[in-house]
Amino acid sequence: MSVESKARILLVEDEASLAQIMGDYLNHAGMDHLWVGHGGQAMDAFRQYRPDLVLLDVMLPGVDGLTLCREIRSESQVPVILVTARVEELDRLLGLELGADDYICKPFSPREVVARVRVVLRRVSRGPKADEALFRLEPDCHRVYVRDRRLDLTPTEYRLMRLFLSHPGRVHSRDQIMNSTYDLDQEVTDRVVDSHIKNLRKKIARELPDREVIYSVYGVGYRFEPG
């Protein structure tokens, strides 16, 4: 699916007035959409409509959005953007742990939501080849290349890059990074993770001085954007 084609957005939102506004903005942006107002109907709609992206409210009647996110991710990698009025860090982290691609808190501007949808769709439509043109992972020998130049990485930094390259554009919480990168018997704190990220950024910057690829997401973790 290219961003230029008519993207199909599944909008799961129980506030009818808000859903109407969002639907109008999506239509104006050249996207098709299907609105579902009850969590219990969302998975049937997802399987029948086959959307390119899901805008998913967290607080829903029937089945809540976090449960739906888990169900969607168990059978599909279709991008999910969570929309909610619950702004606590725990909620943000839980949503990301379940595989959400982005997280938008109410109140929000409908233009912002459309912009976020475009960004995620562009990332998906670009596919892995565009990322591989810049970064190349050789898992057999634990090496990472950027613009065909090998990065001099420690084992921990290599595991970080492997995690980032496996899910470009996705926000990774520090807990996710710890679980995926460090041994279970290691004593790891947020400060240790931040230190390794800092060193990794410096090494990438030597080869890519004109761009930033690892972004901090305040209160949550990090996002890797190679393109």
Protein backbone atom coordinates (compact mmCIF):
# COMPACT_ATOMS: atom_id res chain seq x y z
CA MET A 1 0.00 0.00 0.00
CA SER A 2 1.46 3.34 -1.01
CA VAL A 3 0.66 6.50 0.87
CA GLU A 4 -0.64 7.98 -2.37
CA SER A 5 -3.36 5.30 -2.68
CA LYS A 6 -6.56 5.56 -0.69
CA ALA A 7 -5.59 4.29 2.75
CA ARG A 8 -8.20 2.39 4.75
CA ILE A 9 -8.44 3.49 8.38
CA LEU A 10 -10.40 1.58 11.01
CA LEU A 11 -11.59 4.17 13.55
CA VAL A 12 -12.61 2.59 16.86
CA GLU A 13 -14.11 5.36 18.99
CA ASP A 14 -17.22 5.36 21.19
CA GLU A 15 -17.73 9.16 21.14
CA ALA A 16 -19.92 9.64 18.07
CA SER A 17 -19.26 13.38 17.76
CA LEU A 18 -15.50 12.90 17.91
CA ALA A 19 -15.67 10.02 15.46
CA GLN A 20 -17.64 12.24 13.05
CA ILE A 21 -15.00 14.96 13.22
CA MET A 22 -12.15 12.49 12.76
CA GLY A 23 -13.95 10.82 9.88
CA ASP A 24 -14.39 14.16 8.13
CA TYR A 25 -10.69 14.97 8.51
CA LEU A 26 -9.65 11.55 7.25
CA ASN A 27 -11.93 11.87 4.24
CA HIS A 28 -10.61 15.36 3.52
CA ALA A 29 -7.07 13.92 3.64
CA GLY A 30 -8.01 11.41 0.96
CA MET A 31 -8.38 8.38 3.22
CA ASP A 32 -11.23 5.91 3.50
CA HIS A 33 -12.45 4.94 6.94
CA LEU A 34 -14.82 2.66 8.82
CA TRP A 35 -16.16 3.74 12.20
CA VAL A 36 -16.85 1.23 14.98
CA GLY A 37 -18.30 2.54 18.24
CA HIS A 38 -18.17 -0.58 20.40
CA GLY A 39 -15.12 -2.62 21.41
CA GLY A 40 -17.00 -5.87 21.04
CA GLN A 41 -17.46 -5.22 17.29
CA ALA A 42 -13.91 -4.11 16.56
CA MET A 43 -12.21 -7.42 15.74
CA ASP A 44 -14.93 -8.53 13.33
CA ALA A 45 -14.66 -5.14 11.62
CA PHE A 46 -10.88 -5.44 11.55
CA ARG A 47 -10.96 -8.83 9.85
CA GLN A 48 -13.61 -7.86 7.31
CA TYR A 49 -12.44 -4.33 6.50
CA ARG A 50 -8.70 -5.21 6.38
CA PRO A 51 -7.51 -1.69 7.23
CA ASP A 52 -4.08 -0.21 6.55
CA LEU A 53 -4.07 1.38 10.02
CA VAL A 54 -6.19 1.31 13.19
CA LEU A 55 -7.01 4.42 15.23
CA LEU A 56 -7.98 2.82 18.52
CA ASP A 57 -9.49 4.48 21.57
CA VAL A 58 -8.40 2.93 24.86
CA MET A 59 -11.61 3.46 26.84
CA LEU A 60 -14.31 1.52 24.99
CA PRO A 61 -17.51 -0.30 25.96
CA GLY A 62 -17.41 -4.07 25.67
CA VAL A 63 -13.70 -4.65 25.09
CA ASP A 64 -11.10 -2.03 25.98
CA GLY A 65 -8.55 -0.72 23.50
CA LEU A 66 -5.50 -2.29 25.16
CA THR A 67 -7.08 -5.73 24.93
CA LEU A 68 -7.96 -5.06 21.30
CA CYS A 69 -4.42 -3.92 20.58
CA ARG A 70 -3.12 -7.21 21.97
CA GLU A 71 -5.59 -9.18 19.83
CA ILE A 72 -4.72 -7.24 16.67
CA ARG A 73 -1.01 -7.68 17.25
CA SER A 74 -1.44 -11.43 17.80
CA GLU A 75 -2.59 -11.85 14.21
CA SER A 76 -1.34 -8.82 12.28
CA GLN A 77 1.41 -6.20 12.05
CA VAL A 78 -1.02 -3.55 10.81
CA PRO A 79 -0.02 -0.29 12.56
CA VAL A 80 -2.07 0.77 15.58
CA ILE A 81 -2.30 4.30 16.99
CA LEU A 82 -3.85 4.43 20.45
CA VAL A 83 -6.04 7.43 21.29
CA THR A 84 -6.95 8.09 24.91
CA ALA A 85 -7.58 10.59 27.68
CA ARG A 86 -5.52 8.47 30.09
CA VAL A 87 -2.18 10.24 30.19
CA GLU A 88 -0.43 8.35 32.99
CA GLU A 89 2.99 6.99 32.07
CA LEU A 90 1.90 3.46 33.01
CA ASP A 91 -0.81 3.55 30.34
CA ARG A 92 1.64 4.81 27.73
CA LEU A 93 4.16 2.12 28.56
CA LEU A 94 1.54 -0.64 28.57
CA GLY A 95 0.26 0.42 25.17
CA LEU A 96 3.76 0.36 23.72
CA GLU A 97 4.51 -3.00 25.33
CA LEU A 98 1.46 -4.40 23.52
CA GLY A 99 2.85 -3.27 20.17
CA ALA A 100 1.18 0.08 19.51
CA ASP A 101 3.01 2.20 16.93
CA ASP A 102 2.04 5.57 18.38
CA TYR A 103 0.07 7.07 21.24
CA ILE A 104 -2.03 10.26 21.14
CA CYS A 105 -3.58 11.83 24.23
CA LYS A 106 -6.87 13.73 24.32
CA PRO A 107 -7.57 16.53 23.81
CA PHE A 108 -5.85 16.66 20.45
CA SER A 109 -6.03 18.47 17.15
CA PRO A 110 -7.62 16.35 14.39
CA ARG A 111 -4.94 17.75 12.07
CA GLU A 112 -2.29 16.30 14.36
CA VAL A 113 -3.94 12.89 14.26
CA VAL A 114 -4.07 12.96 10.45
CA ALA A 115 -0.40 14.00 10.38
CA ARG A 116 0.53 11.11 12.68
CA VAL A 117 -1.46 8.71 10.50
CA ARG A 118 0.40 9.93 7.40
CA VAL A 119 3.78 9.47 9.10
CA VAL A 120 3.03 5.90 10.16
CA LEU A 121 1.58 4.97 6.74
CA ARG A 122 4.62 6.47 5.02
CA ARG A 123 6.87 4.42 7.26
CA VAL A 124 4.98 1.22 6.43
CA SER A 125 4.80 1.93 2.70
CA ARG A 126 8.53 2.60 2.59
CA GLY A 127 9.18 -0.96 3.74
CA PRO A 128 12.41 -2.50 4.96
CA LYS A 129 14.43 -2.00 1.76
CA ALA A 130 14.77 1.74 2.30
CA ASP A 131 16.14 1.11 5.79
CA GLU A 132 18.53 -1.56 4.55
CA ALA A 133 19.97 0.86 2.01
CA LEU A 134 21.41 2.86 4.89
CA PHE A 135 21.87 0.23 7.61
CA ARG A 136 22.82 -3.40 7.10
CA LEU A 137 22.71 -6.07 9.79
CA GLU A 138 24.80 -9.25 9.57
CA PRO A 139 23.47 -11.41 12.42
CA ASP A 140 25.79 -14.35 11.79
CA CYS A 141 28.85 -12.28 12.65
CA HIS A 142 27.13 -9.73 14.89
CA ARG A 143 27.99 -6.77 12.70
CA VAL A 144 26.14 -3.62 11.68
CA TYR A 145 27.08 -1.49 8.69
CA VAL A 146 25.99 2.05 7.90
CA ARG A 147 26.60 3.20 4.33
CA ASP A 148 28.69 0.03 3.98
CA ARG A 149 31.02 1.10 6.79
CA ARG A 150 31.18 -1.21 9.78
CA LEU A 151 30.19 0.27 13.14
CA ASP A 152 32.58 -0.60 15.96
CA LEU A 153 29.98 -1.81 18.45
CA THR A 154 30.11 -3.50 21.81
CA PRO A 155 27.92 -6.62 22.23
CA THR A 156 25.28 -4.54 24.04
CA GLU A 157 25.30 -1.86 21.34
CA TYR A 158 24.93 -4.54 18.67
CA ARG A 159 21.87 -5.94 20.46
CA LEU A 160 20.42 -2.43 20.65
CA MET A 161 20.87 -1.96 16.92
CA ARG A 162 19.35 -5.37 16.23
CA LEU A 163 16.27 -4.37 18.25
CA PHE A 164 15.98 -0.98 16.53
CA LEU A 165 16.46 -2.35 13.02
CA SER A 166 13.86 -5.07 13.60
CA HIS A 167 11.19 -2.43 14.36
CA PRO A 168 12.10 0.89 12.70
CA GLY A 169 9.82 3.72 13.73
CA ARG A 170 8.40 1.94 16.75
CA VAL A 171 8.82 3.43 20.23
CA HIS A 172 10.66 1.11 22.61
CA SER A 173 10.22 1.61 26.33
CA ARG A 174 13.27 1.24 28.55
CA ASP A 175 11.77 -1.98 29.96
CA GLN A 176 11.51 -3.40 26.45
CA ILE A 177 15.11 -2.43 25.77
CA MET A 178 16.26 -4.05 29.01
CA ASN A 179 14.38 -7.28 28.31
CA SER A 180 15.62 -7.51 24.70
CA THR A 181 19.20 -6.33 25.12
CA TYR A 182 20.56 -7.34 28.51
CA ASP A 183 21.10 -10.67 30.21
CA LEU A 184 18.59 -11.56 32.89
CA ASP A 185 21.24 -11.63 35.60
CA GLN A 186 22.55 -8.16 34.75
CA GLU A 187 21.79 -5.28 37.10
CA VAL A 188 20.45 -2.67 34.69
CA THR A 189 18.94 0.74 35.44
CA ASP A 190 17.43 3.42 33.23
CA ARG A 191 20.71 5.32 33.53
CA VAL A 192 22.64 2.35 32.13
CA VAL A 193 20.28 2.16 29.14
CA ASP A 194 20.59 5.89 28.53
CA SER A 195 24.39 5.64 28.67
CA HIS A 196 24.49 2.90 26.05
CA ILE A 197 22.09 4.84 23.83
CA LYS A 198 24.32 7.91 24.15
CA ASN A 199 27.40 5.95 23.10
CA LEU A 200 25.53 4.35 20.20
CA ARG A 201 24.37 7.76 18.99
CA LYS A 202 27.97 9.02 18.97
CA LYS A 203 29.16 6.10 16.87
CA ILE A 204 26.34 6.50 14.36
CA ALA A 205 26.93 10.27 14.22
CA ARG A 206 30.52 9.68 13.03
CA GLU A 207 29.11 8.04 9.91
CA LEU A 208 25.92 10.12 9.63
CA PRO A 209 26.82 13.60 10.86
CA ASP A 210 23.96 15.14 8.90
CA ARG A 211 21.09 13.27 10.52
CA GLU A 212 19.67 11.92 13.77
CA VAL A 213 18.26 8.41 13.82
CA ILE A 214 17.65 7.64 17.52
CA TYR A 215 15.03 9.92 19.08
CA SER A 216 14.14 10.27 22.74
CA VAL A 217 10.43 9.93 23.53
CA TYR A 218 9.86 11.84 26.73
CA GLY A 219 8.79 9.68 29.66
CA VAL A 220 8.75 6.50 27.59
CA GLY A 221 11.96 5.49 25.80
CA TYR A 222 13.46 5.70 22.31
CA ARG A 223 12.45 5.54 18.66
CA PHE A 224 14.73 4.58 15.76
CA GLU A 225 14.04 6.41 12.48
CA PRO A 226 16.64 5.48 9.84
CA GLY A 227 14.93 7.14 6.89
